[in-house]
Amino acid sequence: MTVRVSRPILVALIIACAMFMENLDGTVITTALPAMAQSFGTNPVRLSLGITSYMLSLAVFIPISGWIADRYGARSIFSAAIAVFTLGSILCGLSQNLPEFVGARVLQGIGGAMMVPVGRLVLLRSCEKSELVRAMSYLMVPAMIGPVVGPPLGGFITTFASWHWIFFLNVPIGVLGIVLVQRFIENYREPALAPLDWRGFVLTGLSLACLMYGLELVGRVEANPVQAVGFLVGGLVIGTLAVRHALTHGQPLVDLTLLRIPTFAATVVGGSLFRIGVGAIPFLVPLMLQVAFGMSAFTSGLLTFAAAAGSLAMKMSGRPILKRFGFRTVLVVNGAISAMFMMVCALFTPATPAVSIFVLLLAGGFFRSLEFTSLNTLAFADVAKPKMSAATSLSSMAQQVSLGAGVALGAILLHLCLGLRDAPHGPLVTGDFQIAFVVIGLISFAAVGLFLRLPPDAGWEVSGHRPRGAVPVSAPAPGDD
């Protein structure tokens, strides 16, 4: 019996190889942070720089990814991005100190900046709107295997071998991904392409770099407050110039007119608030289990993989849930539930049974994954195909900035808690993490107010859910009139 797989699904599974590699890498790192900090002779919280530097690199180079893919071909850029990411992984494994590790993470970020958004762009151009939810679900299933196996695998390698080896896992995956991309993915190009907006690229990159580095400095005990404020203010000033340029330039690199589309705007702005909280979770939970609760990296990994397992379990139910309730209801109700599960982590103590922690993390992962699937699919429901490159770049940039801000915020909150206890260089205790979980949960909950503004039939062509008697109110994409 021969099983035939449609081309969009095949493309989704190939792209998932790259997402698997990136997700595996990210979850393995969070489990190994305490051991890496000991190896580098620094504080575990300081290792947040290794995460935020990667996300900063992503945020800076993602805006240019769509233009480069349109100029040189999606297949060529996707293959090159996987190769750069794999090289960065090797250099991470060879790092002997924090500066070397941060440099290798920046190189990884450059590869990731081209890899994930270009892969998503290829998928969007390969399927119709009616296939989008199904294709996204297939795309995310293999990608979520990385977070499922990452924590226990990273914990096992860190506990019984050396953390350096966890980065070499990407090498065979990267080689396989390049082979599959070259064989099965078309080299999409845009025949008529506007010149690259270099001024927009420089202004956007400088603004994001200053803001992310400023947040990173705020999260350090030994950092100069004046320097941190200087970077934040500088980032805001340059960011204002970048926005002004984007609104006045004829063909800007960052197309802010896309925010006139209600569904796209809601997923970018509301989704960013939600992701700030989510971004802090993989950073805070392993640290709490290992530093405050005294667990080994392996035991911590066995517990934290529950969130990824919950995400994986959701992928098969996302499509029917969206078809039954629609995007607006799911984003509002599920967003509130997800924020609640973030705050539930504040109830964990060293005496909490491991089974209870596992079950609650599993449930939280399920609901967060449903929110991600809804956001990632609704974002492009009303975007015209000529605008897909700009939309994927802007959406991916917002995602990485918010996730990076979440990690930085987690570090800031822990340092503030240490300061309030008058122990800036002391050990972290359970109470420090409890405050952090409540704050990030409230930030994610704030996104619900933005999702409430969506029309009841938002994205109905994609979800298949259309409220009875509803009149379509979705705005057309700019230039689509």
Foldseek 3Di string as FASTA:
>chain_A
DDDDDDLLLLLLLLLLLLLQLVLLVVLLCLLCQVVVCVQQVHDSLLCLLLVLLLLLLLLLQLLCQLQVLQAFFLLVLQLVLLVQLLVLLLQCLVDRHDVSSSVSSSSNSNSVSNHNLSSVLQSVVVDDLQCQLVSLLSNVQSSLVSLLVRQLVSLCCVVPPNNSVSSNVSVVSSVVSSVSSVPRGGGHHDPDHDDAPVLLSVLSSQLSVLCLVLLLLLLAPPHDPVSSVVSNVVSVVSVVVSVVCLVPDPDYSQNPLQCVFLLQVLLLVLVLLQLLLVLQVSNLQSCCCCQALPDGSNLSSVQLSLLSLLLSVQSVVLLVVCQVQNLLVLLQVLLLVLLVLLLVLLVDDSPDDSVVSNVSSNNSSNSVNSNVSSSVSLNCLQPDSVCSSSSSSSRSSSNSSSSSSSSSLSSSQLQVVCVVVVRNPDGGHSNSSSVSSNVSSVSSNVSSVSSNPDDSCRSCSNSVHDPPPDDDDGDHGPPPD
